[in-house]
Amino acid sequence: MSEEQTLSPDKNTSLAPSPYPPVFAIPTQAGPKGIRFDFNAGCRVKLPLQDGVTWRIKLRDLDTGNVLFEHGGLTDALVTSSKRWFVRFGIEVWQESTTSENLPVFTHHYDATGQDVLIQFPIGTLGDTLAWMPYAARFAEKHGARLTCALSKLILPLFESAYPHIRFVTHEDVVEQKLAERFYATYSLGLFFDDAACDWQPTDFRFVGLHKTAACILGVNPAEEPAKIQFPDEGRPLEEPYVCIAVQASSQCKYWNNPTGWAEVITWLKTQGYRVVCIDQKPVHGTGIVWNHIPHGAEDQTGNRPLAERSRWLKHADFFIGGSSGLAWLAWSTGTPVVMISGFTHPTNEFETPYRVMNWHVCNSCWNDPKERFDHHDFLWCPRHANTSRQFECTRLITSEHVIGKIKSIHLSEKFNHEQCEKA
């Protein structure tokens, strides 16, 4: 016996946390003798009320052989697993008898082949969605499921043509069209900071990285790959060589906090013949007395523009420079080299890039430290050195020389690849 729950039918059975659409209140799949079941927000089995009948139920993990829950004497009960991530559940139900052996009435082994499955993405998170989409597609391929993905309407257009075998909807569509009534299984992707019991993720995401946590939740191969995206491409937006940069972030710890860094890099890039284009959403962002502006010397292409336009700028850029941001993940998806400047995250948190800029001589990787709870409401969050001379040293002490060295290595790599092609 383990962590499973027995809930009375009059209690709230919408187990999905905000900000996801709720699962259907009643299990969607019909079994014999009025039993209902599904795998929406974990394994759920509804045992009916019948005169003089009591039920015994067992839930198993078919891959590990573990019995997760077993209980008898149940009437009119909803049994739900505590684990909402992918488990290949086995369900067994008996009708109990006082005079003879219990009568087996229902057995079901999880099988999503040909079944409608929903994977929910949080809205408002470009990088997370791009990071997780390949794993959702991998789930559909592995199980042969009819997959629906619910996500932001702003990101959805990038995926529709790239993944034609997946149905893409918004969270509003799930609710308004009552789609939850049809799903065999539902999985919610997210960064569950306070999930100490690992009910929503099999392991803390800070151990495995932002993108690979989706692989863990969905039970698929964690090998990373960029998301497939498609968008109208009208060719290069500029004739001259150019690079894209993104400097803004949702918290100050995500910025490159070297006070002269951007100015020095942009000046150097211009001596190399590049135009430098800033594609952030906001030209200025901050709080209180701390405000971050578009760097001097960068061309302003900020604003609330479609992601397809951002994708076009990135696709034709020689490379992208920025922090651990959604635009970095978008650049990776377009195949553009990414120079990523980050100190508050460990390199395993993001996709692998040979042009990662990290200063190991100073405090780093607090985001991936489970002892440090990230505070979304504290724009100046620096858990180890707040209000000291060491605040934000993780990127403040990343030099422009370090960043320029990584940029130069892009050219060396391109030169090497060109020479190899000529030899071939």
Protein backbone atom coordinates (compact mmCIF):
# COMPACT_ATOMS: atom_id res chain seq x y z
CA MET A 1 0.00 0.00 0.00
CA SER A 2 1.34 3.41 -0.82
CA GLU A 3 0.42 6.97 -1.53
CA GLU A 4 -2.81 6.43 -3.45
CA GLN A 5 -5.96 8.18 -2.33
CA THR A 6 -9.56 7.13 -1.86
CA LEU A 7 -11.87 10.06 -2.36
CA SER A 8 -15.59 10.23 -1.77
CA PRO A 9 -17.52 11.24 -4.91
CA ASP A 10 -18.77 14.50 -3.44
CA LYS A 11 -15.26 15.95 -3.13
CA ASN A 12 -13.54 18.08 -5.75
CA THR A 13 -11.99 15.71 -8.27
CA SER A 14 -10.42 18.38 -10.44
CA LEU A 15 -6.84 17.51 -9.53
CA ALA A 16 -5.01 19.57 -12.14
CA PRO A 17 -3.48 22.66 -10.54
CA SER A 18 -3.88 26.15 -11.85
CA PRO A 19 -3.04 27.30 -14.54
CA TYR A 20 -4.25 24.20 -16.41
CA PRO A 21 -7.81 23.45 -17.52
CA PRO A 22 -9.46 20.98 -15.11
CA VAL A 23 -9.84 17.35 -16.03
CA PHE A 24 -13.38 16.02 -16.47
CA ALA A 25 -14.94 15.40 -13.06
CA ILE A 26 -15.94 11.80 -13.87
CA PRO A 27 -13.53 9.24 -15.38
CA THR A 28 -14.11 9.19 -19.12
CA GLN A 29 -13.76 5.47 -19.92
CA ALA A 30 -16.52 2.90 -19.32
CA GLY A 31 -15.81 -0.51 -17.80
CA PRO A 32 -18.15 -3.35 -16.80
CA LYS A 33 -20.76 -3.16 -14.01
CA GLY A 34 -20.80 0.64 -14.03
CA ILE A 35 -17.07 0.99 -13.31
CA ARG A 36 -15.42 4.02 -14.90
CA PHE A 37 -11.72 4.75 -15.28
CA ASP A 38 -9.14 6.91 -17.03
CA PHE A 39 -5.63 8.32 -16.68
CA ASN A 40 -6.46 12.00 -16.49
CA ALA A 41 -4.45 13.55 -13.65
CA GLY A 42 -3.19 10.13 -12.67
CA CYS A 43 -5.02 6.83 -12.68
CA ARG A 44 -8.67 7.26 -11.66
CA VAL A 45 -11.19 4.50 -11.03
CA LYS A 46 -14.84 5.18 -10.07
CA LEU A 47 -16.43 2.27 -8.22
CA PRO A 48 -20.26 2.45 -8.37
CA LEU A 49 -22.81 2.16 -5.60
CA GLN A 50 -24.70 -1.13 -5.88
CA ASP A 51 -26.94 -2.70 -3.25
CA GLY A 52 -24.97 -5.06 -1.04
CA VAL A 53 -21.84 -4.88 -3.21
CA THR A 54 -18.37 -3.98 -2.01
CA TRP A 55 -15.30 -3.74 -4.21
CA ARG A 56 -11.59 -4.52 -3.91
CA ILE A 57 -9.16 -2.68 -6.16
CA LYS A 58 -5.46 -2.95 -6.93
CA LEU A 59 -3.31 -0.46 -8.86
CA ARG A 60 0.08 -1.60 -10.13
CA ASP A 61 3.01 -0.16 -12.02
CA LEU A 62 3.27 -2.69 -14.84
CA ASP A 63 6.88 -1.79 -15.63
CA THR A 64 8.30 -2.01 -12.13
CA GLY A 65 5.97 -4.67 -10.71
CA ASN A 66 5.15 -2.50 -7.69
CA VAL A 67 1.70 -2.65 -6.15
CA LEU A 68 0.86 1.01 -5.64
CA PHE A 69 -2.48 0.60 -3.92
CA GLU A 70 -4.76 -2.20 -2.77
CA HIS A 71 -7.91 -1.82 -0.74
CA GLY A 72 -11.22 -3.59 -0.18
CA GLY A 73 -14.60 -2.87 1.29
CA LEU A 74 -15.20 0.07 -1.04
CA THR A 75 -18.57 1.38 -2.18
CA ASP A 76 -19.31 4.44 -4.27
CA ALA A 77 -15.64 5.51 -4.22
CA LEU A 78 -13.26 7.32 -6.52
CA VAL A 79 -9.73 5.96 -6.28
CA THR A 80 -7.00 8.18 -7.70
CA SER A 81 -3.25 7.71 -7.87
CA SER A 82 -1.05 10.32 -6.26
CA LYS A 83 1.28 10.31 -9.28
CA ARG A 84 0.13 12.40 -12.24
CA TRP A 85 3.19 11.76 -14.42
CA PHE A 86 3.32 8.85 -16.86
CA VAL A 87 3.03 5.43 -15.27
CA ARG A 88 1.96 2.34 -17.19
CA PHE A 89 -0.78 1.54 -14.72
CA GLY A 90 -2.52 -1.79 -14.29
CA ILE A 91 -6.02 -1.82 -12.78
CA GLU A 92 -7.71 -4.84 -11.21
CA VAL A 93 -11.15 -4.79 -9.59
CA TRP A 94 -12.97 -7.60 -7.76
CA GLN A 95 -16.49 -7.87 -6.41
CA GLU A 96 -16.07 -9.02 -2.82
CA SER A 97 -17.87 -12.03 -1.40
CA THR A 98 -18.24 -13.31 2.17
CA THR A 99 -19.04 -16.86 1.13
CA SER A 100 -16.56 -17.60 -1.67
CA GLU A 101 -13.56 -16.15 -3.48
CA ASN A 102 -13.81 -12.58 -4.71
CA LEU A 103 -15.10 -12.35 -8.28
CA PRO A 104 -12.74 -10.65 -10.78
CA VAL A 105 -14.81 -8.16 -12.75
CA PHE A 106 -12.35 -5.79 -14.43
CA THR A 107 -8.72 -5.71 -15.56
CA HIS A 108 -7.13 -2.97 -17.65
CA HIS A 109 -3.54 -2.32 -18.66
CA TYR A 110 -2.67 1.20 -19.76
CA ASP A 111 -2.48 1.37 -23.55
CA ALA A 112 -2.70 4.72 -25.32
CA THR A 113 -2.64 3.22 -28.82
CA GLY A 114 -5.32 5.01 -30.82
CA GLN A 115 -6.54 6.83 -27.72
CA ASP A 116 -7.13 10.54 -27.28
CA VAL A 117 -4.43 11.97 -25.02
CA LEU A 118 -4.01 15.58 -23.85
CA ILE A 119 -0.68 17.20 -22.96
CA GLN A 120 -1.07 20.60 -21.31
CA PHE A 121 1.54 23.35 -21.51
CA PRO A 122 1.48 26.43 -19.28
CA ILE A 123 0.78 29.65 -21.14
CA GLY A 124 3.07 32.66 -21.18
CA THR A 125 6.28 30.62 -21.35
CA LEU A 126 7.85 30.60 -24.82
CA GLY A 127 11.07 28.85 -23.87
CA ASP A 128 9.41 26.12 -21.84
CA THR A 129 6.95 25.31 -24.62
CA LEU A 130 9.67 25.14 -27.27
CA ALA A 131 11.78 23.00 -24.96
CA TRP A 132 8.99 20.53 -24.25
CA MET A 133 7.29 20.13 -27.62
CA PRO A 134 9.74 17.52 -28.99
CA TYR A 135 8.99 15.28 -26.00
CA ALA A 136 5.24 15.60 -26.51
CA ALA A 137 5.72 14.56 -30.13
CA ARG A 138 7.93 11.69 -28.96
CA PHE A 139 5.15 10.51 -26.63
CA ALA A 140 2.65 10.41 -29.50
CA GLU A 141 5.09 8.45 -31.64
CA LYS A 142 5.99 6.00 -28.88
CA HIS A 143 2.40 5.18 -27.93
CA GLY A 144 0.55 5.69 -31.21
CA ALA A 145 -1.80 8.07 -29.42
CA ARG A 146 -4.08 10.68 -30.97
CA LEU A 147 -2.40 13.60 -29.29
CA THR A 148 -3.87 16.99 -28.47
CA CYS A 149 -1.62 19.74 -27.09
CA ALA A 150 -3.11 22.70 -25.23
CA LEU A 151 -0.93 25.82 -25.20
CA SER A 152 -0.77 29.56 -25.79
CA LYS A 153 -2.49 30.89 -28.90
CA LEU A 154 0.60 33.04 -29.53
CA ILE A 155 2.91 30.03 -29.85
CA LEU A 156 0.47 27.59 -31.44
CA PRO A 157 0.93 28.83 -35.06
CA LEU A 158 4.63 27.85 -35.03
CA PHE A 159 3.75 24.17 -34.51
CA GLU A 160 0.59 23.45 -36.50
CA SER A 161 2.27 22.72 -39.83
CA ALA A 162 5.44 21.34 -38.29
CA TYR A 163 3.56 18.61 -36.39
CA PRO A 164 0.57 17.75 -38.60
CA HIS A 165 -0.20 14.58 -36.64
CA ILE A 166 -0.87 16.59 -33.46
CA ARG A 167 -3.97 18.63 -32.76
CA PHE A 168 -3.18 22.02 -31.22
CA VAL A 169 -5.73 23.90 -29.14
CA THR A 170 -5.78 26.67 -26.56
CA HIS A 171 -6.71 26.27 -22.91
CA GLU A 172 -9.92 28.13 -23.70
CA ASP A 173 -10.74 25.56 -26.41
CA VAL A 174 -10.41 22.73 -23.89
CA VAL A 175 -12.99 24.37 -21.63
CA GLU A 176 -15.36 25.90 -24.17
CA GLN A 177 -15.48 22.85 -26.44
CA LYS A 178 -15.69 20.46 -23.46
CA LEU A 179 -12.76 18.50 -24.82
CA ALA A 180 -11.84 17.06 -21.43
CA GLU A 181 -14.74 14.60 -21.71
CA ARG A 182 -12.96 12.67 -24.47
CA PHE A 183 -9.44 12.07 -23.16
CA TYR A 184 -8.10 8.70 -22.12
CA ALA A 185 -5.11 10.35 -20.42
CA THR A 186 -3.92 13.86 -19.55
CA TYR A 187 -0.43 15.05 -18.59
CA SER A 188 0.51 18.52 -17.37
CA LEU A 189 3.99 19.83 -18.12
CA GLY A 190 5.52 22.40 -15.82
CA LEU A 191 8.22 23.36 -13.35
CA PHE A 192 6.78 22.15 -10.07
CA PHE A 193 8.98 23.95 -7.54
CA ASP A 194 7.22 22.77 -4.39
CA ASP A 195 6.39 19.20 -5.41
CA ALA A 196 8.32 17.59 -2.54
CA ALA A 197 6.39 14.32 -2.92
CA CYS A 198 7.11 14.22 -6.68
CA ASP A 199 3.44 13.82 -7.52
CA TRP A 200 3.65 15.96 -10.67
CA GLN A 201 7.19 15.07 -11.75
CA PRO A 202 9.15 11.86 -11.06
CA THR A 203 12.26 13.85 -10.15
CA ASP A 204 12.89 17.48 -9.30
CA PHE A 205 13.31 19.42 -12.55
CA ARG A 206 16.36 21.18 -11.12
CA PHE A 207 18.27 17.90 -11.29
CA VAL A 208 17.49 17.05 -14.92
CA GLY A 209 17.15 20.44 -16.63
CA LEU A 210 14.29 22.56 -17.86
CA HIS A 211 13.73 20.68 -21.10
CA LYS A 212 14.38 17.10 -19.97
CA THR A 213 11.87 17.33 -17.13
CA ALA A 214 9.20 16.90 -19.84
CA ALA A 215 10.83 13.62 -20.87
CA CYS A 216 10.67 12.45 -17.26
CA ILE A 217 7.00 13.44 -16.87
CA LEU A 218 6.02 11.75 -20.14
CA GLY A 219 8.25 8.69 -19.79
CA VAL A 220 10.12 9.15 -23.09
CA ASN A 221 13.75 9.24 -24.20
CA PRO A 222 15.38 12.36 -22.72
CA ALA A 223 17.75 12.94 -25.68
CA GLU A 224 17.38 16.61 -26.57
CA GLU A 225 16.34 17.98 -29.94
CA PRO A 226 15.14 21.40 -31.07
CA ALA A 227 11.44 21.89 -31.62
CA LYS A 228 10.23 21.81 -35.21
CA ILE A 229 8.70 25.11 -36.22
CA GLN A 230 7.32 26.48 -39.49
CA PHE A 231 6.56 30.07 -40.36
CA PRO A 232 6.23 32.28 -43.45
CA ASP A 233 9.79 33.12 -44.50
CA GLU A 234 10.21 36.10 -46.80
CA GLY A 235 13.98 35.80 -46.80
CA ARG A 236 16.62 37.94 -45.15
CA PRO A 237 15.26 41.07 -43.48
CA LEU A 238 18.65 42.77 -44.00
CA GLU A 239 21.13 42.45 -46.86
CA GLU A 240 24.16 43.09 -44.66
CA PRO A 241 25.52 40.53 -42.18
CA TYR A 242 23.73 40.90 -38.88
CA VAL A 243 23.34 39.28 -35.47
CA CYS A 244 20.33 39.24 -33.16
CA ILE A 245 20.53 39.98 -29.47
CA ALA A 246 18.03 39.78 -26.61
CA VAL A 247 18.87 41.49 -23.35
CA GLN A 248 15.62 41.56 -21.36
CA ALA A 249 14.42 39.00 -18.84
CA SER A 250 11.72 38.45 -16.23
CA SER A 251 14.18 38.68 -13.28
CA GLN A 252 17.43 40.58 -12.81
CA CYS A 253 19.38 37.38 -12.15
CA LYS A 254 18.69 36.37 -15.77
CA TYR A 255 20.35 39.49 -17.19
CA TRP A 256 23.96 39.92 -18.21
CA ASN A 257 24.76 42.24 -15.33
CA ASN A 258 28.21 43.36 -16.45
CA PRO A 259 27.68 47.16 -16.66
CA THR A 260 29.79 47.61 -19.81
CA GLY A 261 29.41 44.16 -21.36
CA TRP A 262 26.81 44.79 -24.03
CA ALA A 263 28.34 48.10 -25.12
CA GLU A 264 31.78 46.51 -25.57
CA VAL A 265 30.46 43.48 -27.46
CA ILE A 266 28.30 45.60 -29.78
CA THR A 267 31.20 47.93 -30.50
CA TRP A 268 33.40 44.95 -31.37
CA LEU A 269 30.70 43.36 -33.55
CA LYS A 270 30.40 46.55 -35.56
CA THR A 271 34.15 46.58 -36.20
CA GLN A 272 33.64 43.11 -37.69
CA GLY A 273 31.04 44.44 -40.13
CA TYR A 274 27.90 43.30 -38.32
CA ARG A 275 24.67 45.12 -37.77
CA VAL A 276 23.34 44.33 -34.28
CA VAL A 277 19.57 43.96 -33.96
CA CYS A 278 17.71 43.74 -30.65
CA ILE A 279 14.55 41.62 -30.94
CA ASP A 280 13.28 41.77 -27.35
CA GLN A 281 9.62 42.41 -26.73
CA LYS A 282 10.37 45.40 -24.47
CA PRO A 283 13.00 48.10 -25.03
CA VAL A 284 12.98 48.87 -21.29
CA HIS A 285 12.15 46.57 -18.38
CA GLY A 286 12.68 46.55 -14.64
CA THR A 287 11.22 47.57 -11.31
CA GLY A 288 11.70 50.27 -8.68
CA ILE A 289 15.00 52.02 -9.35
CA VAL A 290 16.40 49.18 -11.49
CA TRP A 291 15.64 49.47 -15.20
CA ASN A 292 17.31 47.72 -18.13
CA HIS A 293 17.44 49.49 -21.50
CA ILE A 294 18.17 48.34 -25.01
CA PRO A 295 21.98 48.61 -25.36
CA HIS A 296 23.47 51.65 -27.07
CA GLY A 297 24.39 50.87 -30.66
CA ALA A 298 21.79 48.13 -31.17
CA GLU A 299 19.05 48.58 -33.77
CA ASP A 300 15.60 48.53 -32.23
CA GLN A 301 13.29 45.80 -33.50
CA THR A 302 11.48 45.43 -30.16
CA GLY A 303 7.71 45.39 -29.74
CA ASN A 304 4.72 43.06 -29.59
CA ARG A 305 5.38 41.30 -32.85
CA PRO A 306 4.36 37.82 -34.03
CA LEU A 307 6.75 35.00 -33.19
CA ALA A 308 6.91 34.18 -36.89
CA GLU A 309 8.59 37.56 -37.45
CA ARG A 310 11.04 36.89 -34.63
CA SER A 311 11.76 33.48 -36.14
CA ARG A 312 12.52 35.01 -39.53
CA TRP A 313 15.01 37.46 -38.00
CA LEU A 314 16.69 34.64 -36.10
CA LYS A 315 16.82 32.17 -38.98
CA HIS A 316 18.86 34.50 -41.18
CA ALA A 317 21.10 35.92 -38.43
CA ASP A 318 24.71 34.76 -38.31
CA PHE A 319 24.17 34.00 -34.62
CA PHE A 320 22.16 35.01 -31.57
CA ILE A 321 23.44 36.40 -28.27
CA GLY A 322 21.31 36.40 -25.15
CA GLY A 323 20.55 34.91 -21.77
CA SER A 324 18.56 31.85 -20.78
CA SER A 325 15.38 33.08 -22.44
CA GLY A 326 12.56 32.04 -24.72
CA LEU A 327 14.26 33.76 -27.64
CA ALA A 328 17.35 31.61 -27.07
CA TRP A 329 15.17 28.49 -27.41
CA LEU A 330 13.54 30.00 -30.50
CA ALA A 331 16.97 30.67 -32.03
CA TRP A 332 17.95 27.05 -31.36
CA SER A 333 14.76 25.90 -33.09
CA THR A 334 15.63 27.93 -36.20
CA GLY A 335 19.09 26.35 -36.36
CA THR A 336 20.95 29.57 -35.53
CA PRO A 337 24.09 29.33 -33.34
CA VAL A 338 23.34 30.53 -29.81
CA VAL A 339 25.81 32.39 -27.61
CA MET A 340 24.12 31.95 -24.23
CA ILE A 341 25.23 34.12 -21.31
CA SER A 342 23.95 32.68 -18.04
CA GLY A 343 25.24 32.18 -14.54
CA PHE A 344 22.16 31.63 -12.41
CA THR A 345 21.41 28.38 -14.27
CA HIS A 346 23.66 25.36 -14.63
CA PRO A 347 24.48 24.49 -18.26
CA THR A 348 22.46 21.26 -17.94
CA ASN A 349 19.36 23.40 -17.48
CA GLU A 350 19.30 24.40 -21.15
CA PHE A 351 20.08 22.80 -24.50
CA GLU A 352 23.72 22.10 -25.21
CA THR A 353 25.53 24.82 -27.13
CA PRO A 354 29.30 25.03 -27.68
CA TYR A 355 28.99 28.79 -27.22
CA ARG A 356 27.76 28.78 -23.63
CA VAL A 357 29.32 31.58 -21.53
CA MET A 358 29.75 30.68 -17.84
CA ASN A 359 32.08 31.97 -15.15
CA TRP A 360 32.90 29.08 -12.81
CA HIS A 361 35.07 31.28 -10.56
CA VAL A 362 32.06 32.94 -8.94
CA CYS A 363 28.75 31.96 -7.36
CA ASN A 364 26.55 30.18 -9.92
CA SER A 365 23.66 27.81 -10.62
CA CYS A 366 21.32 28.92 -7.81
CA TRP A 367 18.32 28.21 -10.05
CA ASN A 368 19.23 24.51 -10.13
CA ASP A 369 19.85 24.30 -6.38
CA PRO A 370 16.82 22.61 -4.74
CA LYS A 371 17.70 24.36 -1.47
CA GLU A 372 16.98 27.72 -3.11
CA ARG A 373 13.32 28.40 -3.89
CA PHE A 374 13.03 30.82 -6.80
CA ASP A 375 10.76 33.76 -5.98
CA HIS A 376 8.86 34.90 -9.08
CA HIS A 377 7.70 38.02 -7.25
CA ASP A 378 11.16 39.26 -6.30
CA PHE A 379 12.64 40.91 -9.38
CA LEU A 380 16.00 41.27 -7.61
CA TRP A 381 16.11 37.63 -6.41
CA CYS A 382 19.66 36.62 -5.53
CA PRO A 383 19.28 33.99 -2.80
CA ARG A 384 22.89 33.73 -1.69
CA HIS A 385 24.19 37.31 -1.95
CA ALA A 386 21.23 39.68 -1.98
CA ASN A 387 22.07 43.22 -0.87
CA THR A 388 25.81 42.52 -0.76
CA SER A 389 28.72 43.42 -3.00
CA ARG A 390 28.45 39.93 -4.54
CA GLN A 391 24.85 40.27 -5.75
CA PHE A 392 24.48 38.97 -9.33
CA GLU A 393 28.19 38.23 -9.57
CA CYS A 394 27.34 35.13 -11.62
CA THR A 395 26.93 37.33 -14.72
CA ARG A 396 28.32 40.65 -13.52
CA LEU A 397 31.77 39.04 -13.65
CA ILE A 398 31.30 37.55 -17.12
CA THR A 399 33.51 39.79 -19.24
CA SER A 400 33.02 41.04 -22.77
CA GLU A 401 36.35 39.37 -23.59
CA HIS A 402 34.83 36.03 -22.60
CA VAL A 403 31.76 36.58 -24.78
CA ILE A 404 33.82 37.80 -27.76
CA GLY A 405 35.98 34.70 -27.45
CA LYS A 406 32.91 32.51 -27.84
CA ILE A 407 31.79 34.53 -30.86
CA LYS A 408 35.20 34.05 -32.46
CA SER A 409 34.87 30.30 -31.95
CA ILE A 410 31.73 30.37 -34.12
CA HIS A 411 33.79 31.70 -37.01
CA LEU A 412 36.52 29.12 -36.38
CA SER A 413 33.92 26.36 -36.41
CA GLU A 414 32.36 27.65 -39.64
CA LYS A 415 35.81 27.93 -41.25
CA PHE A 416 36.63 24.34 -40.21
CA ASN A 417 33.33 23.03 -41.60
CA HIS A 418 33.89 24.93 -44.86
CA GLU A 419 37.40 23.47 -45.24
CA GLN A 420 36.10 19.96 -44.51
CA CYS A 421 33.43 20.36 -47.20
CA GLU A 422 36.07 21.53 -49.72
CA LYS A 423 38.24 18.50 -48.92
CA ALA A 424 35.27 16.20 -49.37
